[in-house]
Amino acid sequence: MKMVSKSVLKAKMLEYFREVETAGETLIVTSNGQPVLRVIPYCQDLTVDEAFADVRGKIHYHGDLLEPTTAEWEVG
């Protein structure tokens, strides 16, 4: 996590924004040595299909996914 003062950020803002964008690392902005802002890269929400695209078709489950599993738990 990189830290930069407001004054330095003001002078080189585009440079720091590009670095956050490409490296994906958080930037902490300070004022008088105290952290005041956090700049984080935007993370676009994925659809379920996009999130599991790399494992789709690779996982096989043999059994009924909707079958109750109460036998696994102590019923009291």
PDB file of N, CA and C in Angstrom:
ATOM      1  N   MET A   1       0.837  -1.157   0.000  1.00  0.00           N
ATOM      2  CA  MET A   1       0.000   0.000   0.000  1.00  0.00           C
ATOM      3  C   MET A   1       0.894   1.235   0.000  1.00  0.00           C
ATOM      4  N   LYS A   2       0.681   2.072  -0.985  1.00  0.00           N
ATOM      5  CA  LYS A   2       1.498   3.271  -1.140  1.00  0.00           C
ATOM      6  C   LYS A   2       0.829   4.449  -0.450  1.00  0.00           C
ATOM      7  N   MET A   3       1.640   5.352   0.116  1.00  0.00           N
ATOM      8  CA  MET A   3       1.126   6.554   0.772  1.00  0.00           C
ATOM      9  C   MET A   3       1.688   7.776   0.068  1.00  0.00           C
ATOM     10  N   VAL A   4       0.832   8.804  -0.059  1.00  0.00           N
ATOM     11  CA  VAL A   4       1.255  10.044  -0.702  1.00  0.00           C
ATOM     12  C   VAL A   4       0.528  11.205  -0.034  1.00  0.00           C
ATOM     13  N   SER A   5       1.217  12.337   0.083  1.00  0.00           N
ATOM     14  CA  SER A   5       0.588  13.525   0.672  1.00  0.00           C
ATOM     15  C   SER A   5      -0.345  14.174  -0.344  1.00  0.00           C
ATOM     16  N   LYS A   6      -1.275  14.978   0.160  1.00  0.00           N
ATOM     17  CA  LYS A   6      -2.207  15.680  -0.730  1.00  0.00           C
ATOM     18  C   LYS A   6      -1.469  16.558  -1.737  1.00  0.00           C
ATOM     19  N   SER A   7      -0.443  17.240  -1.279  1.00  0.00           N
ATOM     20  CA  SER A   7       0.278  18.154  -2.167  1.00  0.00           C
ATOM     21  C   SER A   7       0.995  17.413  -3.289  1.00  0.00           C
ATOM     22  N   VAL A   8       1.608  16.292  -2.972  1.00  0.00           N
ATOM     23  CA  VAL A   8       2.286  15.503  -4.009  1.00  0.00           C
ATOM     24  C   VAL A   8       1.255  14.892  -4.954  1.00  0.00           C
ATOM     25  N   LEU A   9       0.149  14.417  -4.403  1.00  0.00           N
ATOM     26  CA  LEU A   9      -0.911  13.845  -5.236  1.00  0.00           C
ATOM     27  C   LEU A   9      -1.458  14.889  -6.206  1.00  0.00           C
ATOM     28  N   LYS A  10      -1.651  16.108  -5.730  1.00  0.00           N
ATOM     29  CA  LYS A  10      -2.170  17.175  -6.579  1.00  0.00           C
ATOM     30  C   LYS A  10      -1.262  17.410  -7.785  1.00  0.00           C
ATOM     31  N   ALA A  11       0.030  17.372  -7.570  1.00  0.00           N
ATOM     32  CA  ALA A  11       0.991  17.622  -8.647  1.00  0.00           C
ATOM     33  C   ALA A  11       1.089  16.470  -9.638  1.00  0.00           C
ATOM     34  N   LYS A  12       0.843  15.232  -9.169  1.00  0.00           N
ATOM     35  CA  LYS A  12       1.035  14.049 -10.021  1.00  0.00           C
ATOM     36  C   LYS A  12      -0.176  13.118  -9.998  1.00  0.00           C
ATOM     37  N   MET A  13      -1.368  13.698  -9.929  1.00  0.00           N
ATOM     38  CA  MET A  13      -2.575  12.900  -9.738  1.00  0.00           C
ATOM     39  C   MET A  13      -2.775  11.850 -10.828  1.00  0.00           C
ATOM     40  N   LEU A  14      -2.667  12.214 -12.097  1.00  0.00           N
ATOM     41  CA  LEU A  14      -2.878  11.251 -13.177  1.00  0.00           C
ATOM     42  C   LEU A  14      -1.882  10.098 -13.109  1.00  0.00           C
ATOM     43  N   GLU A  15      -0.649  10.410 -12.757  1.00  0.00           N
ATOM     44  CA  GLU A  15       0.381   9.375 -12.621  1.00  0.00           C
ATOM     45  C   GLU A  15      -0.002   8.366 -11.532  1.00  0.00           C
ATOM     46  N   TYR A  16      -0.447   8.873 -10.389  1.00  0.00           N
ATOM     47  CA  TYR A  16      -0.846   7.988  -9.294  1.00  0.00           C
ATOM     48  C   TYR A  16      -2.111   7.199  -9.644  1.00  0.00           C
ATOM     49  N   PHE A  17      -3.071   7.843 -10.302  1.00  0.00           N
ATOM     50  CA  PHE A  17      -4.294   7.139 -10.700  1.00  0.00           C
ATOM     51  C   PHE A  17      -3.980   6.013 -11.672  1.00  0.00           C
ATOM     52  N   ARG A  18      -3.087   6.270 -12.621  1.00  0.00           N
ATOM     53  CA  ARG A  18      -2.699   5.210 -13.569  1.00  0.00           C
ATOM     54  C   ARG A  18      -2.031   4.043 -12.840  1.00  0.00           C
ATOM     55  N   GLU A  19      -1.222   4.365 -11.848  1.00  0.00           N
ATOM     56  CA  GLU A  19      -0.539   3.322 -11.075  1.00  0.00           C
ATOM     57  C   GLU A  19      -1.546   2.464 -10.301  1.00  0.00           C
ATOM     58  N   VAL A  20      -2.545   3.100  -9.698  1.00  0.00           N
ATOM     59  CA  VAL A  20      -3.589   2.355  -8.982  1.00  0.00           C
ATOM     60  C   VAL A  20      -4.335   1.462  -9.962  1.00  0.00           C
ATOM     61  N   GLU A  21      -4.632   2.011 -11.130  1.00  0.00           N
ATOM     62  CA  GLU A  21      -5.376   1.265 -12.145  1.00  0.00           C
ATOM     63  C   GLU A  21      -4.590   0.063 -12.664  1.00  0.00           C
ATOM     64  N   THR A  22      -3.327   0.233 -12.982  1.00  0.00           N
ATOM     65  CA  THR A  22      -2.546  -0.853 -13.577  1.00  0.00           C
ATOM     66  C   THR A  22      -2.055  -1.865 -12.547  1.00  0.00           C
ATOM     67  N   ALA A  23      -1.601  -1.381 -11.389  1.00  0.00           N
ATOM     68  CA  ALA A  23      -1.054  -2.285 -10.376  1.00  0.00           C
ATOM     69  C   ALA A  23      -2.151  -2.888  -9.507  1.00  0.00           C
ATOM     70  N   GLY A  24      -3.296  -2.211  -9.441  1.00  0.00           N
ATOM     71  CA  GLY A  24      -4.382  -2.717  -8.603  1.00  0.00           C
ATOM     72  C   GLY A  24      -4.111  -2.542  -7.123  1.00  0.00           C
ATOM     73  N   GLU A  25      -3.206  -1.651  -6.782  1.00  0.00           N
ATOM     74  CA  GLU A  25      -2.820  -1.448  -5.389  1.00  0.00           C
ATOM     75  C   GLU A  25      -3.502  -0.204  -4.816  1.00  0.00           C
ATOM     76  N   THR A  26      -3.862  -0.262  -3.559  1.00  0.00           N
ATOM     77  CA  THR A  26      -4.512   0.849  -2.880  1.00  0.00           C
ATOM     78  C   THR A  26      -3.523   1.983  -2.630  1.00  0.00           C
ATOM     79  N   LEU A  27      -4.021   3.212  -2.742  1.00  0.00           N
ATOM     80  CA  LEU A  27      -3.223   4.400  -2.479  1.00  0.00           C
ATOM     81  C   LEU A  27      -3.844   5.130  -1.291  1.00  0.00           C
ATOM     82  N   ILE A  28      -3.039   5.425  -0.291  1.00  0.00           N
ATOM     83  CA  ILE A  28      -3.489   6.172   0.880  1.00  0.00           C
ATOM     84  C   ILE A  28      -3.005   7.615   0.738  1.00  0.00           C
ATOM     85  N   VAL A  29      -3.932   8.562   0.869  1.00  0.00           N
ATOM     86  CA  VAL A  29      -3.604   9.975   0.777  1.00  0.00           C
ATOM     87  C   VAL A  29      -3.548  10.536   2.196  1.00  0.00           C
ATOM     88  N   THR A  30      -2.482  11.294   2.476  1.00  0.00           N
ATOM     89  CA  THR A  30      -2.291  11.825   3.824  1.00  0.00           C
ATOM     90  C   THR A  30      -2.388  13.344   3.843  1.00  0.00           C
ATOM     91  N   SER A  31      -2.740  13.848   5.007  1.00  0.00           N
ATOM     92  CA  SER A  31      -2.745  15.285   5.251  1.00  0.00           C
ATOM     93  C   SER A  31      -2.058  15.491   6.595  1.00  0.00           C
ATOM     94  N   ASN A  32      -0.982  16.230   6.582  1.00  0.00           N
ATOM     95  CA  ASN A  32      -0.170  16.427   7.793  1.00  0.00           C
ATOM     96  C   ASN A  32       0.261  15.097   8.408  1.00  0.00           C
ATOM     97  N   GLY A  33       0.587  14.138   7.553  1.00  0.00           N
ATOM     98  CA  GLY A  33       1.076  12.835   8.008  1.00  0.00           C
ATOM     99  C   GLY A  33       0.001  11.861   8.453  1.00  0.00           C
ATOM    100  N   GLN A  34      -1.261  12.283   8.436  1.00  0.00           N
ATOM    101  CA  GLN A  34      -2.366  11.416   8.865  1.00  0.00           C
ATOM    102  C   GLN A  34      -3.157  10.941   7.641  1.00  0.00           C
ATOM    103  N   PRO A  35      -3.490   9.661   7.567  1.00  0.00           N
ATOM    104  CA  PRO A  35      -4.287   9.176   6.435  1.00  0.00           C
ATOM    105  C   PRO A  35      -5.691   9.790   6.449  1.00  0.00           C
ATOM    106  N   VAL A  36      -6.123  10.274   5.264  1.00  0.00           N
ATOM    107  CA  VAL A  36      -7.445  10.895   5.164  1.00  0.00           C
ATOM    108  C   VAL A  36      -8.289  10.299   4.039  1.00  0.00           C
ATOM    109  N   LEU A  37      -7.666   9.732   3.042  1.00  0.00           N
ATOM    110  CA  LEU A  37      -8.379   9.156   1.900  1.00  0.00           C
ATOM    111  C   LEU A  37      -7.744   7.846   1.489  1.00  0.00           C
ATOM    112  N   ARG A  38      -8.570   6.996   0.910  1.00  0.00           N
ATOM    113  CA  ARG A  38      -8.066   5.742   0.341  1.00  0.00           C
ATOM    114  C   ARG A  38      -8.569   5.674  -1.089  1.00  0.00           C
ATOM    115  N   VAL A  39      -7.663   5.512  -2.042  1.00  0.00           N
ATOM    116  CA  VAL A  39      -8.017   5.366  -3.448  1.00  0.00           C
ATOM    117  C   VAL A  39      -7.810   3.897  -3.805  1.00  0.00           C
ATOM    118  N   ILE A  40      -8.887   3.242  -4.209  1.00  0.00           N
ATOM    119  CA  ILE A  40      -8.806   1.811  -4.531  1.00  0.00           C
ATOM    120  C   ILE A  40      -9.233   1.599  -5.978  1.00  0.00           C
ATOM    121  N   PRO A  41      -8.695   0.577  -6.637  1.00  0.00           N
ATOM    122  CA  PRO A  41      -9.121   0.305  -8.005  1.00  0.00           C
ATOM    123  C   PRO A  41     -10.566  -0.173  -8.025  1.00  0.00           C
ATOM    124  N   TYR A  42     -11.277   0.208  -9.054  1.00  0.00           N
ATOM    125  CA  TYR A  42     -12.669  -0.194  -9.208  1.00  0.00           C
ATOM    126  C   TYR A  42     -12.711  -1.661  -9.606  1.00  0.00           C
ATOM    127  N   CYS A  43     -13.557  -2.411  -8.931  1.00  0.00           N
ATOM    128  CA  CYS A  43     -13.708  -3.828  -9.223  1.00  0.00           C
ATOM    129  C   CYS A  43     -15.126  -4.040  -9.745  1.00  0.00           C
ATOM    130  N   GLN A  44     -15.227  -4.288 -11.022  1.00  0.00           N
ATOM    131  CA  GLN A  44     -16.531  -4.458 -11.639  1.00  0.00           C
ATOM    132  C   GLN A  44     -17.158  -5.768 -11.180  1.00  0.00           C
ATOM    133  N   ASP A  45     -18.451  -5.709 -10.854  1.00  0.00           N
ATOM    134  CA  ASP A  45     -19.160  -6.904 -10.420  1.00  0.00           C
ATOM    135  C   ASP A  45     -19.251  -7.906 -11.572  1.00  0.00           C
ATOM    136  N   LEU A  46     -19.043  -9.163 -11.242  1.00  0.00           N
ATOM    137  CA  LEU A  46     -19.128 -10.222 -12.233  1.00  0.00           C
ATOM    138  C   LEU A  46     -20.465 -10.928 -12.133  1.00  0.00           C
ATOM    139  N   THR A  47     -20.927 -11.414 -13.258  1.00  0.00           N
ATOM    140  CA  THR A  47     -22.112 -12.258 -13.221  1.00  0.00           C
ATOM    141  C   THR A  47     -21.696 -13.629 -12.697  1.00  0.00           C
ATOM    142  N   VAL A  48     -22.664 -14.447 -12.335  1.00  0.00           N
ATOM    143  CA  VAL A  48     -22.359 -15.797 -11.851  1.00  0.00           C
ATOM    144  C   VAL A  48     -21.623 -16.571 -12.930  1.00  0.00           C
ATOM    145  N   ASP A  49     -22.057 -16.451 -14.169  1.00  0.00           N
ATOM    146  CA  ASP A  49     -21.390 -17.153 -15.270  1.00  0.00           C
ATOM    147  C   ASP A  49     -19.940 -16.718 -15.436  1.00  0.00           C
ATOM    148  N   GLU A  50     -19.680 -15.420 -15.295  1.00  0.00           N
ATOM    149  CA  GLU A  50     -18.314 -14.921 -15.415  1.00  0.00           C
ATOM    150  C   GLU A  50     -17.453 -15.376 -14.232  1.00  0.00           C
ATOM    151  N   ALA A  51     -18.014 -15.360 -13.038  1.00  0.00           N
ATOM    152  CA  ALA A  51     -17.258 -15.721 -11.843  1.00  0.00           C
ATOM    153  C   ALA A  51     -16.852 -17.196 -11.838  1.00  0.00           C
ATOM    154  N   PHE A  52     -17.688 -18.061 -12.383  1.00  0.00           N
ATOM    155  CA  PHE A  52     -17.414 -19.495 -12.361  1.00  0.00           C
ATOM    156  C   PHE A  52     -17.050 -20.058 -13.726  1.00  0.00           C
ATOM    157  N   ALA A  53     -16.710 -19.204 -14.675  1.00  0.00           N
ATOM    158  CA  ALA A  53     -16.399 -19.645 -16.031  1.00  0.00           C
ATOM    159  C   ALA A  53     -15.217 -20.618 -16.067  1.00  0.00           C
ATOM    160  N   ASP A  54     -14.223 -20.419 -15.218  1.00  0.00           N
ATOM    161  CA  ASP A  54     -13.032 -21.274 -15.251  1.00  0.00           C
ATOM    162  C   ASP A  54     -13.276 -22.676 -14.710  1.00  0.00           C
ATOM    163  N   VAL A  55     -14.331 -22.889 -13.930  1.00  0.00           N
ATOM    164  CA  VAL A  55     -14.598 -24.221 -13.378  1.00  0.00           C
ATOM    165  C   VAL A  55     -15.851 -24.874 -13.973  1.00  0.00           C
ATOM    166  N   ARG A  56     -16.574 -24.118 -14.792  1.00  0.00           N
ATOM    167  CA  ARG A  56     -17.786 -24.667 -15.390  1.00  0.00           C
ATOM    168  C   ARG A  56     -17.442 -25.903 -16.232  1.00  0.00           C
ATOM    169  N   GLY A  57     -18.148 -26.981 -15.972  1.00  0.00           N
ATOM    170  CA  GLY A  57     -17.916 -28.229 -16.694  1.00  0.00           C
ATOM    171  C   GLY A  57     -16.808 -29.090 -16.113  1.00  0.00           C
ATOM    172  N   LYS A  58     -16.112 -28.615 -15.088  1.00  0.00           N
ATOM    173  CA  LYS A  58     -15.015 -29.367 -14.483  1.00  0.00           C
ATOM    174  C   LYS A  58     -15.418 -30.008 -13.163  1.00  0.00           C
ATOM    175  N   ILE A  59     -16.498 -29.550 -12.569  1.00  0.00           N
ATOM    176  CA  ILE A  59     -16.940 -30.072 -11.284  1.00  0.00           C
ATOM    177  C   ILE A  59     -18.128 -30.991 -11.506  1.00  0.00           C
ATOM    178  N   HIS A  60     -18.038 -32.185 -10.956  1.00  0.00           N
ATOM    179  CA  HIS A  60     -19.120 -33.155 -11.095  1.00  0.00           C
ATOM    180  C   HIS A  60     -19.585 -33.574  -9.710  1.00  0.00           C
ATOM    181  N   TYR A  61     -20.892 -33.516  -9.508  1.00  0.00           N
ATOM    182  CA  TYR A  61     -21.469 -33.911  -8.236  1.00  0.00           C
ATOM    183  C   TYR A  61     -22.417 -35.055  -8.502  1.00  0.00           C
ATOM    184  N   HIS A  62     -22.207 -36.149  -7.825  1.00  0.00           N
ATOM    185  CA  HIS A  62     -23.048 -37.329  -8.005  1.00  0.00           C
ATOM    186  C   HIS A  62     -23.996 -37.430  -6.824  1.00  0.00           C
ATOM    187  N   GLY A  63     -25.213 -37.092  -7.057  1.00  0.00           N
ATOM    188  CA  GLY A  63     -26.214 -37.115  -6.002  1.00  0.00           C
ATOM    189  C   GLY A  63     -27.249 -36.039  -6.257  1.00  0.00           C
ATOM    190  N   ASP A  64     -28.247 -36.004  -5.425  1.00  0.00           N
ATOM    191  CA  ASP A  64     -29.320 -35.035  -5.549  1.00  0.00           C
ATOM    192  C   ASP A  64     -28.976 -33.798  -4.729  1.00  0.00           C
ATOM    193  N   LEU A  65     -28.748 -32.684  -5.401  1.00  0.00           N
ATOM    194  CA  LEU A  65     -28.378 -31.448  -4.705  1.00  0.00           C
ATOM    195  C   LEU A  65     -29.501 -30.930  -3.815  1.00  0.00           C
ATOM    196  N   LEU A  66     -30.728 -31.325  -4.108  1.00  0.00           N
ATOM    197  CA  LEU A  66     -31.860 -30.822  -3.335  1.00  0.00           C
ATOM    198  C   LEU A  66     -32.273 -31.756  -2.205  1.00  0.00           C
ATOM    199  N   GLU A  67     -31.591 -32.877  -2.064  1.00  0.00           N
ATOM    200  CA  GLU A  67     -31.920 -33.843  -1.015  1.00  0.00           C
ATOM    201  C   GLU A  67     -31.579 -33.258   0.359  1.00  0.00           C
ATOM    202  N   PRO A  68     -32.496 -33.366   1.323  1.00  0.00           N
ATOM    203  CA  PRO A  68     -32.202 -32.846   2.668  1.00  0.00           C
ATOM    204  C   PRO A  68     -30.978 -33.524   3.284  1.00  0.00           C
ATOM    205  N   THR A  69     -30.236 -32.782   4.045  1.00  0.00           N
ATOM    206  CA  THR A  69     -29.001 -33.309   4.637  1.00  0.00           C
ATOM    207  C   THR A  69     -29.112 -33.446   6.154  1.00  0.00           C
ATOM    208  N   THR A  70     -30.315 -33.583   6.666  1.00  0.00           N
ATOM    209  CA  THR A  70     -30.485 -33.664   8.112  1.00  0.00           C
ATOM    210  C   THR A  70     -29.817 -34.890   8.712  1.00  0.00           C
ATOM    211  N   ALA A  71     -29.566 -35.924   7.923  1.00  0.00           N
ATOM    212  CA  ALA A  71     -28.896 -37.107   8.438  1.00  0.00           C
ATOM    213  C   ALA A  71     -27.474 -36.795   8.891  1.00  0.00           C
ATOM    214  N   GLU A  72     -26.898 -35.731   8.376  1.00  0.00           N
ATOM    215  CA  GLU A  72     -25.538 -35.345   8.743  1.00  0.00           C
ATOM    216  C   GLU A  72     -25.490 -34.655  10.100  1.00  0.00           C
ATOM    217  N   TRP A  73     -26.618 -34.166  10.597  1.00  0.00           N
ATOM    218  CA  TRP A  73     -26.664 -33.375  11.812  1.00  0.00           C
ATOM    219  C   TRP A  73     -27.431 -34.113  12.898  1.00  0.00           C
ATOM    220  N   GLU A  74     -27.003 -33.879  14.084  1.00  0.00           N
ATOM    221  CA  GLU A  74     -27.695 -34.472  15.207  1.00  0.00           C
ATOM    222  C   GLU A  74     -29.027 -33.741  15.402  1.00  0.00           C
ATOM    223  N   VAL A  75     -30.101 -34.481  15.353  1.00  0.00           N
ATOM    224  CA  VAL A  75     -31.424 -33.879  15.511  1.00  0.00           C
ATOM    225  C   VAL A  75     -31.815 -34.036  16.975  1.00  0.00           C
ATOM    226  N   GLY A  76     -32.186 -32.913  17.593  1.00  0.00           N
ATOM    227  CA  GLY A  76     -32.440 -33.014  19.016  1.00  0.00           C
ATOM    228  C   GLY A  76     -33.626 -32.340  19.496  1.00  0.00           C
TER     229      GLY A  76
END
